[in-house]
Amino acid sequence: MQLSSTMFQIQISHPARNARIMPAPFGAYMIGADASNRIVLDDGSVEEVHAVLTLMQDESYIEDLMGGGVYVEGRRIGNRQQIFPGTPIQIGNYTLYIDSAAAEPTASPPSVVSAPEVFAPKMKSPNVSAIQAIKQQIHSELVDRLDLKRLSMSKLQENELQDKIKQTLAGIINEIRSRLPRGIHPDRLAKEIFDEAVGLGPLEDLLEDETVTEIMVNGPGQVFVERAGKLELTDCTFINSTSVHAVIDRIVSPIGRRIDESQPYVDARLADGSRVNAIIHPLSLIGPCITIRKFSKDPFKVQDLINFGTLTADVAEFLRVCVILRKNIIVSGGTGSGKTTLLNVLSSYLPDNERILTIEDAAELRLTQAHIVRLEARPANIEGRGAVTIRDLVRNALRMRPDRIVVGECRGAEALDMLQAMNTGHEGSLTTIHANSPRDTLARLETMVLMAGMDLPMRAIREQVGSAVHLICQISRFSDGTRKVSRVTEVSGLEGDRITLQDIFEFKQTGVNDQGKVLGEMKPTGAVPTFIEEIAMRGIQFDRSIFDPARKHNTWGGIR
């Protein structure tokens, strides 16, 4: 029986109860006696949370969570067991059968007859589509004919290795070209298998697509992308979970990272600086997951952000002057709001004649100045030793005679060292923080300083923050997917026990148009920054009228 490409059905039997059938789309199903489970089995023979069933297009499995016992074909499994349609799964007094949602069986595809020396894939795998079955078997044949691991470790040049693989793959596909089902183009098939053998598989085309800003792999059978701020499901799939694992290994190995059961998640980067996060079993119940935040091949410049509607020319000019004046600036915002992109643009304002140190978990910033030192944190090795944290690097950076320190993201105890650096002669530093508003940014800073374990009184922390941070630039992602600088706020000091803030610019949303695009205007609040006289003292040409609310300003239409 050939499985439906979108859904299974689960038949649940019990000796004393009526059998029931439930539809089951791809995904993870918690099984147990508690009513919060997706599959509730409640006769007393089942634990509250007993097992998890994972259904995918090319691979499904059952996992015993509590050690209460799960039996497949009468045999008790260990932790995890792959299952196939029609296989009986016994949990307590219940028996589960997984099958296609399509009721009627389809005819089995004709077997392929070939000479003994010619490879020909047989369409017999019951739980994968025809195309996936062909790809999987050709890939296996390629591995058999070429010891890819040995070749990768050999002294062959990269282009020689790729040519050898392409030649072998072309030979395999040429042997079966006449037997391929309709709709499968041999050249396209060869490219997809080649990409999975030595590249990033179906992700290669998505990485080349400039309209894609984020790629999300949810197990081997599902890949989403973000375009213009909106999520879209693609038709890209991997051969199986092993292929996804192989792609993750190819990403993390060149930069000295690892991922395995003892370290089942990792942050990494691609060669172009794109950010990668991967997480695998046992933490991910749907198979290996990859999230890639793509960066454009040519880094965005300030004019690009103005064209996108992310900020106005007036705001860009004000931020440029603040960087030149060595003001400490925090870019705050939610996940995916564009903090790193904006930080990269602000960093482009840093003078060429200064020594700049960048500190990141995974190096993403792309600065073009002449004198840059890039530092990257390091995770612990397989023995749990050798980790180098952002905090370690911030401390070390202070001994490297920096003129400017740029920290990719403050998320922990390094905030204390960063504030101390800002207060002790290293002004003009830049960093990002996850926060929903400028006031939340200050609260997060206080919390992160407390994480350093120094047991400082709250007033002392606020004095540090109030004197160290000069400007908070809040960036937000709006309902239409556009990213905009929503506030530019000055930290003006401490009054009593409260840090005072004043908004210099604020985005005022006026509505949405017929296409759902956000409409609004970035307007000055009328407040003038306290350091306005410094601009004239430094001899910087600057139009003070940008702080006048009565001045005509640009109206945004949510360009993206």
Protein backbone atom coordinates (compact mmCIF):
# COMPACT_ATOMS: atom_id res chain seq x y z
CA MET A 1 0.00 0.00 0.00
CA GLN A 2 1.41 3.41 -0.94
CA LEU A 3 1.16 6.06 1.74
CA SER A 4 -0.61 9.39 1.37
CA SER A 5 1.85 12.21 0.87
CA THR A 6 0.17 14.40 3.48
CA MET A 7 -1.49 12.32 6.18
CA PHE A 8 -1.67 9.02 8.03
CA GLN A 9 -4.46 7.51 10.05
CA ILE A 10 -4.13 5.75 13.39
CA GLN A 11 -6.40 2.83 14.37
CA ILE A 12 -6.63 2.39 18.15
CA SER A 13 -7.92 -0.97 19.46
CA HIS A 14 -8.73 -2.12 23.00
CA PRO A 15 -10.09 -5.57 24.05
CA ALA A 16 -12.96 -4.04 26.06
CA ARG A 17 -13.72 -0.94 24.00
CA ASN A 18 -14.76 0.00 20.49
CA ALA A 19 -11.94 0.63 18.04
CA ARG A 20 -11.46 4.17 16.85
CA ILE A 21 -9.64 5.77 13.93
CA MET A 22 -8.13 9.23 14.00
CA PRO A 23 -6.51 11.22 11.15
CA ALA A 24 -2.84 11.99 11.74
CA PRO A 25 -0.95 14.61 9.71
CA PHE A 26 2.85 14.59 9.85
CA GLY A 27 4.15 15.56 13.28
CA ALA A 28 4.79 14.38 16.84
CA TYR A 29 2.05 12.77 18.95
CA MET A 30 2.40 12.51 22.71
CA ILE A 31 0.69 9.33 23.96
CA GLY A 32 -0.48 8.72 27.51
CA ALA A 33 -3.33 8.64 30.01
CA ASP A 34 -3.30 12.38 30.71
CA ALA A 35 -5.90 14.42 28.82
CA SER A 36 -3.23 16.84 27.57
CA ASN A 37 -1.77 14.19 25.21
CA ARG A 38 -2.72 14.17 21.53
CA ILE A 39 -3.47 10.43 21.80
CA VAL A 40 -5.21 9.65 25.10
CA LEU A 41 -5.13 6.02 26.34
CA ASP A 42 -6.80 6.02 29.76
CA ASP A 43 -7.55 2.57 31.17
CA GLY A 44 -4.91 2.51 33.92
CA SER A 45 -2.38 0.40 31.99
CA VAL A 46 -0.72 3.47 30.49
CA GLU A 47 1.51 6.11 32.11
CA GLU A 48 0.37 9.75 32.15
CA VAL A 49 2.95 10.53 29.46
CA HIS A 50 3.96 7.15 28.09
CA ALA A 51 5.44 7.53 24.60
CA VAL A 52 5.83 9.82 21.62
CA LEU A 53 4.93 8.83 18.08
CA THR A 54 6.64 10.75 15.26
CA LEU A 55 5.14 10.52 11.78
CA MET A 56 7.11 11.77 8.77
CA GLN A 57 6.96 11.21 5.04
CA ASP A 58 10.06 9.05 4.81
CA GLU A 59 10.58 7.81 8.34
CA SER A 60 8.35 7.24 11.38
CA TYR A 61 9.20 5.96 14.82
CA ILE A 62 7.90 5.38 18.34
CA GLU A 63 9.79 6.28 21.50
CA ASP A 64 9.25 5.01 25.05
CA LEU A 65 9.45 8.05 27.34
CA MET A 66 8.82 6.61 30.80
CA GLY A 67 10.09 3.04 30.55
CA GLY A 68 6.53 1.79 30.98
CA GLY A 69 6.90 -0.51 28.02
CA VAL A 70 6.20 -0.14 24.28
CA TYR A 71 5.99 -3.28 22.13
CA VAL A 72 6.42 -3.39 18.36
CA GLU A 73 5.44 -6.67 16.69
CA GLY A 74 5.40 -8.27 20.15
CA ARG A 75 8.93 -7.18 21.09
CA ARG A 76 9.65 -4.56 23.70
CA ILE A 77 11.65 -1.69 22.26
CA GLY A 78 14.52 0.15 23.89
CA ASN A 79 14.28 3.90 23.74
CA ARG A 80 13.30 4.31 20.10
CA GLN A 81 12.12 2.10 17.22
CA GLN A 82 11.37 2.79 13.57
CA ILE A 83 7.90 1.66 12.51
CA PHE A 84 6.20 0.89 9.21
CA PRO A 85 2.55 0.96 8.07
CA GLY A 86 0.51 -1.90 9.48
CA THR A 87 3.03 -2.70 12.22
CA PRO A 88 1.19 -3.34 15.53
CA ILE A 89 2.28 -1.09 18.42
CA GLN A 90 1.19 -2.22 21.87
CA ILE A 91 1.03 0.26 24.76
CA GLY A 92 -0.58 -1.18 27.87
CA ASN A 93 -3.86 -2.80 26.82
CA TYR A 94 -4.03 -0.75 23.62
CA THR A 95 -2.86 -1.67 20.12
CA LEU A 96 -2.13 1.01 17.54
CA TYR A 97 -1.87 0.54 13.76
CA ILE A 98 -0.47 3.31 11.55
CA ASP A 99 -1.66 3.40 7.97
CA SER A 100 -2.20 5.71 5.01
CA ALA A 101 -5.19 8.03 5.19
CA ALA A 102 -6.11 6.74 1.73
CA ALA A 103 -8.38 3.76 2.18
CA GLU A 104 -7.78 1.93 -1.01
CA PRO A 105 -4.43 0.37 -1.89
CA THR A 106 -2.62 1.47 -5.00
CA ALA A 107 -1.07 -0.88 -7.45
CA SER A 108 2.52 -1.71 -6.79
CA PRO A 109 4.88 -0.16 -9.33
CA PRO A 110 6.34 -2.59 -11.84
CA SER A 111 9.66 -4.07 -10.90
CA VAL A 112 12.67 -3.12 -13.00
CA VAL A 113 14.56 -5.88 -14.78
CA SER A 114 18.18 -5.23 -15.54
CA ALA A 115 21.42 -6.99 -16.27
CA PRO A 116 23.25 -8.08 -13.12
CA GLU A 117 26.01 -5.52 -13.59
CA VAL A 118 23.64 -2.57 -14.07
CA PHE A 119 22.22 -0.81 -11.03
CA ALA A 120 18.44 -0.27 -11.13
CA PRO A 121 16.42 1.10 -8.21
CA LYS A 122 13.43 -0.97 -7.10
CA MET A 123 10.33 0.95 -6.04
CA LYS A 124 9.49 -1.13 -3.01
CA SER A 125 10.00 1.10 0.04
CA PRO A 126 6.52 1.36 1.63
CA ASN A 127 7.02 4.67 3.43
CA VAL A 128 8.59 7.04 0.89
CA SER A 129 7.37 8.60 -2.33
CA ALA A 130 8.55 7.25 -5.67
CA ILE A 131 10.97 10.11 -6.28
CA GLN A 132 12.38 9.92 -2.77
CA ALA A 133 12.83 6.15 -3.11
CA ILE A 134 14.78 6.58 -6.35
CA LYS A 135 16.95 9.33 -4.85
CA GLN A 136 17.65 7.28 -1.75
CA GLN A 137 18.69 4.19 -3.70
CA ILE A 138 20.83 6.12 -6.20
CA HIS A 139 22.52 7.85 -3.29
CA SER A 140 23.21 4.47 -1.67
CA GLU A 141 24.64 3.17 -4.92
CA LEU A 142 26.87 6.25 -5.18
CA VAL A 143 28.19 5.61 -1.67
CA ASP A 144 28.85 1.97 -2.56
CA ARG A 145 30.79 2.85 -5.71
CA LEU A 146 32.70 5.72 -4.12
CA ASP A 147 33.96 5.64 -0.55
CA LEU A 148 33.03 9.29 -0.01
CA LYS A 149 34.52 9.50 3.46
CA ARG A 150 37.86 8.11 2.25
CA LEU A 151 37.83 10.38 -0.78
CA SER A 152 37.10 13.43 1.39
CA MET A 153 40.14 12.63 3.56
CA SER A 154 42.36 11.96 0.55
CA LYS A 155 44.68 14.50 -1.01
CA LEU A 156 42.32 15.19 -3.88
CA GLN A 157 41.58 18.85 -4.48
CA GLU A 158 38.00 19.94 -3.88
CA ASN A 159 37.29 20.37 -7.59
CA GLU A 160 38.83 16.94 -8.39
CA LEU A 161 36.67 15.30 -5.71
CA GLN A 162 33.52 16.94 -7.07
CA ASP A 163 34.37 15.97 -10.65
CA LYS A 164 34.86 12.33 -9.62
CA ILE A 165 31.53 12.26 -7.82
CA LYS A 166 29.75 13.92 -10.76
CA GLN A 167 31.19 11.41 -13.23
CA THR A 168 30.16 8.41 -11.11
CA LEU A 169 26.70 9.86 -10.52
CA ALA A 170 26.23 10.55 -14.23
CA GLY A 171 27.16 6.94 -14.96
CA ILE A 172 24.60 5.58 -12.48
CA ILE A 173 21.79 7.75 -13.81
CA ASN A 174 22.72 6.95 -17.42
CA GLU A 175 22.28 3.23 -16.64
CA ILE A 176 18.70 3.75 -15.51
CA ARG A 177 17.73 6.79 -17.63
CA SER A 178 15.27 4.84 -19.77
CA ARG A 179 13.62 3.33 -16.69
CA LEU A 180 12.97 6.56 -14.81
CA PRO A 181 9.26 7.34 -14.23
CA ARG A 182 7.70 10.24 -16.09
CA GLY A 183 8.25 13.65 -14.55
CA ILE A 184 11.76 12.93 -13.24
CA HIS A 185 14.35 14.86 -15.22
CA PRO A 186 17.74 13.07 -15.13
CA ASP A 187 19.83 16.28 -14.93
CA ARG A 188 17.71 17.69 -12.12
CA LEU A 189 17.85 14.36 -10.30
CA ALA A 190 21.66 14.29 -10.64
CA LYS A 191 21.98 17.81 -9.24
CA GLU A 192 19.76 17.05 -6.24
CA ILE A 193 21.67 13.88 -5.36
CA PHE A 194 25.03 15.61 -5.87
CA ASP A 195 23.96 18.44 -3.58
CA GLU A 196 22.95 15.95 -0.87
CA ALA A 197 26.17 13.94 -1.30
CA VAL A 198 28.67 16.80 -1.00
CA GLY A 199 26.71 20.01 -0.47
CA LEU A 200 23.73 21.19 1.55
CA GLY A 201 21.16 19.17 -0.39
CA PRO A 202 17.90 20.94 -1.27
CA LEU A 203 19.08 23.97 0.70
CA GLU A 204 21.55 24.86 -2.07
CA ASP A 205 18.87 26.37 -4.32
CA LEU A 206 17.24 28.19 -1.40
CA LEU A 207 20.58 29.70 -0.40
CA GLU A 208 21.02 30.96 -3.96
CA ASP A 209 17.53 32.48 -4.00
CA GLU A 210 18.00 36.14 -3.04
CA THR A 211 14.32 36.54 -2.15
CA VAL A 212 14.68 34.02 0.71
CA THR A 213 15.77 35.61 3.99
CA GLU A 214 15.37 32.61 6.32
CA ILE A 215 15.27 28.82 5.88
CA MET A 216 13.64 26.49 8.42
CA VAL A 217 14.07 22.71 8.11
CA ASN A 218 11.56 20.86 10.31
CA GLY A 219 12.80 17.31 9.92
CA PRO A 220 13.52 15.71 6.54
CA GLY A 221 10.01 16.14 5.12
CA GLN A 222 9.26 19.81 5.66
CA VAL A 223 11.16 23.00 4.72
CA PHE A 224 9.76 26.50 5.25
CA VAL A 225 11.27 29.77 4.02
CA GLU A 226 10.68 33.42 4.80
CA ARG A 227 10.13 35.80 1.90
CA ALA A 228 9.34 39.49 2.46
CA GLY A 229 8.72 38.74 6.11
CA LYS A 230 6.15 35.97 5.42
CA LEU A 231 6.52 32.20 5.90
CA GLU A 232 6.04 29.84 2.94
CA LEU A 233 6.09 26.02 2.77
CA THR A 234 8.38 24.79 -0.02
CA ASP A 235 8.32 21.50 -1.92
CA CYS A 236 11.93 20.77 -0.85
CA THR A 237 12.54 17.57 1.10
CA PHE A 238 15.52 15.51 2.20
CA ILE A 239 16.00 11.81 1.49
CA ASN A 240 15.85 10.97 5.21
CA SER A 241 17.02 12.13 8.63
CA THR A 242 20.53 10.86 7.90
CA SER A 243 20.78 13.32 5.01
CA VAL A 244 19.81 16.20 7.31
CA HIS A 245 22.45 15.03 9.82
CA ALA A 246 25.04 14.99 7.03
CA VAL A 247 24.19 18.57 6.04
CA ILE A 248 24.51 19.72 9.66
CA ASP A 249 27.91 18.02 9.92
CA ARG A 250 29.10 19.76 6.74
CA ILE A 251 28.10 23.11 8.23
CA VAL A 252 29.58 22.73 11.71
CA SER A 253 32.77 20.73 11.02
CA PRO A 254 34.75 23.46 9.18
CA ILE A 255 34.37 25.89 12.11
CA GLY A 256 35.29 23.38 14.81
CA ARG A 257 31.79 22.84 16.21
CA ARG A 258 30.15 19.48 16.88
CA ILE A 259 26.68 18.06 17.33
CA ASP A 260 25.82 14.66 18.80
CA GLU A 261 23.66 13.15 21.54
CA SER A 262 25.84 14.68 24.26
CA GLN A 263 25.63 18.12 22.58
CA PRO A 264 22.38 17.96 20.57
CA TYR A 265 22.21 21.60 19.47
CA VAL A 266 24.71 24.00 17.98
CA ASP A 267 25.11 27.56 16.68
CA ALA A 268 27.25 27.93 13.59
CA ARG A 269 27.67 29.99 10.43
CA LEU A 270 28.01 29.46 6.70
CA ALA A 271 30.92 30.71 4.64
CA ASP A 272 28.97 33.86 3.69
CA GLY A 273 28.31 34.67 7.37
CA SER A 274 24.71 33.41 7.46
CA ARG A 275 23.67 32.30 10.93
CA VAL A 276 22.81 28.63 11.51
CA ASN A 277 21.17 26.84 14.42
CA ALA A 278 20.70 23.06 14.43
CA ILE A 279 19.03 20.75 16.95
CA ILE A 280 18.66 16.97 16.79
CA HIS A 281 17.20 13.99 18.64
CA PRO A 282 16.58 13.53 21.57
CA LEU A 283 15.68 17.23 21.97
CA SER A 284 13.84 17.46 18.66
CA LEU A 285 10.98 14.99 18.39
CA ILE A 286 10.37 15.53 14.65
CA GLY A 287 13.89 14.80 13.45
CA PRO A 288 16.89 17.09 12.87
CA CYS A 289 15.95 20.76 12.53
CA ILE A 290 18.01 23.52 10.90
CA THR A 291 17.33 27.25 11.00
CA ILE A 292 19.39 29.49 8.70
CA ARG A 293 19.22 33.28 8.93
CA LYS A 294 20.55 34.33 5.53
CA PHE A 295 22.64 37.41 4.97
CA SER A 296 22.74 39.12 1.61
CA LYS A 297 25.84 38.52 -0.49
CA ASP A 298 26.42 42.26 -0.51
CA PRO A 299 25.92 43.65 3.02
CA PHE A 300 23.06 46.13 3.30
CA LYS A 301 24.15 49.75 3.38
CA VAL A 302 22.31 52.59 5.05
CA GLN A 303 20.69 53.62 1.75
CA ASP A 304 19.26 50.11 1.40
CA LEU A 305 17.58 50.41 4.81
CA ILE A 306 16.21 53.83 3.85
CA ASN A 307 14.80 52.33 0.63
CA PHE A 308 13.25 49.45 2.58
CA GLY A 309 11.56 51.92 4.94
CA THR A 310 13.54 50.62 7.93
CA LEU A 311 14.61 54.17 8.86
CA THR A 312 14.61 57.67 7.41
CA ALA A 313 17.51 59.74 6.16
CA ASP A 314 17.15 62.03 9.20
CA VAL A 315 17.42 59.13 11.65
CA ALA A 316 20.35 57.66 9.71
CA GLU A 317 22.20 60.98 9.87
CA PHE A 318 21.56 61.32 13.61
CA LEU A 319 22.85 57.80 14.28
CA ARG A 320 25.94 58.48 12.14
CA VAL A 321 26.74 61.55 14.25
CA CYS A 322 26.21 59.55 17.47
CA VAL A 323 28.72 56.92 16.32
CA ILE A 324 31.27 59.61 15.43
CA LEU A 325 30.74 61.22 18.87
CA ARG A 326 31.61 57.85 20.47
CA LYS A 327 28.20 57.35 22.04
CA ASN A 328 27.52 53.86 23.39
CA ILE A 329 24.57 52.48 21.42
CA ILE A 330 22.39 49.42 22.07
CA VAL A 331 20.26 48.03 19.24
CA SER A 332 17.29 46.26 20.82
CA GLY A 333 14.48 44.24 19.30
CA GLY A 334 12.81 40.87 19.08
CA THR A 335 13.98 37.73 17.28
CA GLY A 336 14.27 38.30 13.54
CA SER A 337 13.62 42.02 13.80
CA GLY A 338 16.87 42.97 12.04
CA LYS A 339 19.14 43.84 14.98
CA THR A 340 22.31 42.38 13.44
CA THR A 341 21.63 44.05 10.08
CA LEU A 342 21.20 47.43 11.76
CA LEU A 343 24.29 46.84 13.93
CA ASN A 344 26.27 46.10 10.77
CA VAL A 345 25.11 49.40 9.23
CA LEU A 346 25.97 51.35 12.39
CA SER A 347 29.39 49.68 12.45
CA SER A 348 30.01 50.97 8.94
CA TYR A 349 30.11 54.48 10.44
CA LEU A 350 33.14 53.58 12.59
CA PRO A 351 36.26 55.51 11.48
CA ASP A 352 38.92 53.75 9.42
CA ASN A 353 41.71 55.02 11.65
CA GLU A 354 40.54 53.19 14.79
CA ARG A 355 41.19 49.67 16.08
CA ILE A 356 37.88 47.79 16.14
CA LEU A 357 37.30 44.51 18.01
CA THR A 358 34.20 42.44 17.20
CA ILE A 359 33.08 39.74 19.65
CA GLU A 360 30.41 37.20 18.63
CA ASP A 361 29.10 33.72 19.37
CA ALA A 362 29.18 32.93 15.66
CA ALA A 363 30.94 35.54 13.52
CA GLU A 364 28.26 37.33 11.44
CA LEU A 365 29.27 40.99 11.27
CA ARG A 366 30.91 42.09 8.03
CA LEU A 367 32.84 45.27 8.59
CA THR A 368 34.96 46.82 5.86
CA GLN A 369 37.35 48.98 7.89
CA ALA A 370 41.09 48.35 7.61
CA HIS A 371 41.90 47.64 11.28
CA ILE A 372 39.52 44.96 12.56
CA VAL A 373 40.14 42.09 14.99
CA ARG A 374 37.38 39.45 14.96
CA LEU A 375 36.91 37.25 18.02
CA GLU A 376 34.54 34.28 18.22
CA ALA A 377 33.41 32.31 21.27
CA ARG A 378 34.13 28.59 21.47
CA PRO A 379 31.92 25.84 22.94
CA ALA A 380 33.22 23.10 25.21
CA ASN A 381 34.84 20.03 23.67
CA ILE A 382 33.49 16.49 24.00
CA GLU A 383 34.96 16.29 27.51
CA GLY A 384 33.13 19.45 28.58
CA ARG A 385 36.32 21.52 28.67
CA GLY A 386 37.85 24.38 26.75
CA ALA A 387 34.80 26.62 26.46
CA VAL A 388 35.53 30.31 25.83
CA THR A 389 32.52 32.54 26.51
CA ILE A 390 31.59 35.99 25.29
CA ARG A 391 32.41 37.26 28.77
CA ASP A 392 35.92 35.80 28.55
CA LEU A 393 36.42 37.54 25.20
CA VAL A 394 35.12 40.90 26.46
CA ARG A 395 37.58 40.75 29.36
CA ASN A 396 40.42 39.80 27.04
CA ALA A 397 39.48 42.50 24.54
CA LEU A 398 40.18 45.18 27.13
CA ARG A 399 43.84 44.11 27.07
CA MET A 400 44.06 44.38 23.28
CA ARG A 401 44.06 48.19 23.09
CA PRO A 402 40.65 48.56 21.40
CA ASP A 403 39.32 51.91 20.25
CA ARG A 404 35.87 50.40 19.74
CA ILE A 405 34.28 47.16 20.93
CA VAL A 406 31.36 45.70 18.98
CA VAL A 407 29.60 42.78 20.71
CA GLY A 408 27.25 40.85 18.44
CA GLU A 409 24.77 40.22 21.24
CA CYS A 410 24.75 40.65 25.02
CA ARG A 411 22.73 37.85 26.58
CA GLY A 412 24.38 37.03 29.90
CA ALA A 413 26.96 37.97 32.50
CA GLU A 414 29.16 39.68 29.89
CA ALA A 415 26.81 42.69 30.23
CA LEU A 416 28.64 43.68 33.45
CA ASP A 417 32.05 43.67 31.75
CA MET A 418 30.60 45.53 28.78
CA LEU A 419 29.18 48.27 31.02
CA GLN A 420 32.47 48.57 32.88
CA ALA A 421 34.33 48.90 29.57
CA MET A 422 31.93 51.64 28.44
CA ASN A 423 32.53 53.48 31.71
CA THR A 424 36.33 53.15 31.72
CA GLY A 425 37.50 54.76 28.52
CA HIS A 426 36.08 52.44 25.85
CA GLU A 427 33.26 54.69 24.70
CA GLY A 428 31.67 54.28 21.31
CA SER A 429 30.87 50.61 21.86
CA LEU A 430 27.98 48.91 20.06
CA THR A 431 25.93 45.83 20.90
CA THR A 432 22.46 44.24 20.54
CA ILE A 433 19.99 42.97 23.13
CA HIS A 434 16.72 41.06 22.85
CA ALA A 435 14.03 43.38 24.25
CA ASN A 436 10.62 44.73 23.26
CA SER A 437 11.14 48.37 24.22
CA PRO A 438 13.87 50.72 25.47
CA ARG A 439 12.57 50.39 29.03
CA ASP A 440 12.66 46.59 28.72
CA THR A 441 16.23 46.88 27.46
CA LEU A 442 17.29 48.53 30.72
CA ALA A 443 15.47 45.88 32.75
CA ARG A 444 17.23 43.12 30.79
CA LEU A 445 20.59 44.79 31.32
CA GLU A 446 19.98 44.85 35.08
CA THR A 447 19.02 41.17 35.04
CA MET A 448 22.08 40.19 33.02
CA VAL A 449 24.39 42.11 35.38
CA LEU A 450 22.88 40.16 38.30
CA MET A 451 23.72 36.95 36.39
CA ALA A 452 27.41 37.81 36.86
CA GLY A 453 27.00 36.83 40.53
CA MET A 454 28.62 39.99 41.93
CA ASP A 455 25.72 40.70 44.34
CA LEU A 456 25.69 44.41 43.50
CA PRO A 457 22.98 46.66 44.94
CA MET A 458 20.36 47.67 42.40
CA ARG A 459 21.18 51.37 42.65
CA ALA A 460 24.84 50.68 41.81
CA ILE A 461 23.76 48.68 38.75
CA ARG A 462 21.46 51.46 37.59
CA GLU A 463 24.18 54.05 38.04
CA GLN A 464 26.44 51.92 35.84
CA VAL A 465 23.74 51.53 33.19
CA GLY A 466 22.68 55.19 33.32
CA SER A 467 26.21 56.46 32.80
CA ALA A 468 27.37 53.81 30.31
CA VAL A 469 24.49 53.61 27.82
CA HIS A 470 23.81 56.74 25.78
CA LEU A 471 21.35 55.63 23.12
CA ILE A 472 18.89 52.77 22.54
CA CYS A 473 17.76 52.11 18.98
CA GLN A 474 14.61 49.96 19.01
CA ILE A 475 13.83 47.97 15.85
CA SER A 476 10.59 46.04 15.36
CA ARG A 477 9.04 43.64 12.87
CA PHE A 478 5.54 44.73 11.90
CA SER A 479 2.48 42.74 10.84
CA ASP A 480 3.32 43.01 7.12
CA GLY A 481 6.78 41.52 7.67
CA THR A 482 8.66 44.84 7.32
CA ARG A 483 11.31 45.85 9.83
CA LYS A 484 11.41 49.44 11.03
CA VAL A 485 13.29 51.46 13.61
CA SER A 486 10.38 52.21 15.93
CA ARG A 487 12.20 54.39 18.48
CA VAL A 488 15.49 56.18 18.99
CA THR A 489 15.76 56.87 22.71
CA GLU A 490 18.38 58.70 24.75
CA VAL A 491 19.34 57.46 28.21
CA SER A 492 19.57 60.79 30.03
CA GLY A 493 20.74 59.73 33.49
CA LEU A 494 19.44 58.70 36.89
CA GLU A 495 16.73 60.46 38.87
CA GLY A 496 16.36 58.93 42.29
CA ASP A 497 16.34 55.15 41.67
CA ARG A 498 14.94 55.36 38.15
CA ILE A 499 16.85 55.68 34.89
CA THR A 500 15.32 58.43 32.80
CA LEU A 501 14.67 58.05 29.08
CA GLN A 502 13.61 60.49 26.40
CA ASP A 503 12.48 59.49 22.92
CA ILE A 504 14.20 61.49 20.17
CA PHE A 505 12.39 59.83 17.23
CA GLU A 506 9.33 57.60 17.25
CA PHE A 507 7.47 55.73 14.52
CA LYS A 508 3.74 56.45 14.53
CA GLN A 509 1.65 53.85 12.71
CA THR A 510 -1.42 55.34 11.03
CA GLY A 511 -2.95 52.13 9.66
CA VAL A 512 -2.51 49.63 6.82
CA ASN A 513 -3.28 49.93 3.12
CA ASP A 514 -5.39 47.63 0.95
CA GLN A 515 -2.44 45.25 0.49
CA GLY A 516 -1.89 44.98 4.24
CA LYS A 517 1.23 47.16 4.21
CA VAL A 518 1.88 49.16 7.34
CA LEU A 519 1.51 52.94 6.91
CA GLY A 520 3.08 55.45 9.23
CA GLU A 521 5.57 58.19 9.81
CA MET A 522 8.85 58.48 11.69
CA LYS A 523 8.57 61.74 13.59
CA PRO A 524 10.81 63.61 16.01
CA THR A 525 9.24 64.01 19.43
CA GLY A 526 10.58 67.53 19.86
CA ALA A 527 13.11 66.45 22.48
CA VAL A 528 16.69 67.50 21.79
CA PRO A 529 19.49 65.18 22.92
CA THR A 530 21.47 66.40 25.91
CA PHE A 531 24.72 66.08 23.99
CA ILE A 532 23.64 68.45 21.18
CA GLU A 533 26.36 70.98 22.04
CA GLU A 534 29.05 68.32 21.60
CA ILE A 535 28.20 68.16 17.91
CA ALA A 536 29.11 71.81 17.38
CA MET A 537 32.20 71.51 19.59
CA ARG A 538 33.47 68.67 17.38
CA GLY A 539 32.95 70.80 14.29
CA ILE A 540 30.45 68.35 12.76
CA GLN A 541 28.03 69.83 10.23
CA PHE A 542 24.55 68.95 11.43
CA ASP A 543 21.03 70.24 10.72
CA ARG A 544 19.30 70.69 14.09
CA SER A 545 15.92 71.16 12.42
CA ILE A 546 15.55 67.35 12.19
CA PHE A 547 14.38 67.52 15.84
CA ASP A 548 11.53 69.91 14.94
CA PRO A 549 8.16 68.08 14.83
CA ALA A 550 6.75 70.81 12.57
CA ARG A 551 9.30 70.04 9.85
CA LYS A 552 8.10 68.04 6.84
CA HIS A 553 9.26 64.42 7.21
CA ASN A 554 9.02 61.30 5.06
CA THR A 555 5.86 59.19 5.22
CA TRP A 556 6.49 55.46 5.14
CA GLY A 557 4.40 53.02 3.19
CA GLY A 558 6.08 49.89 4.45
CA ILE A 559 8.46 49.43 1.51
CA ARG A 560 10.11 46.02 1.55
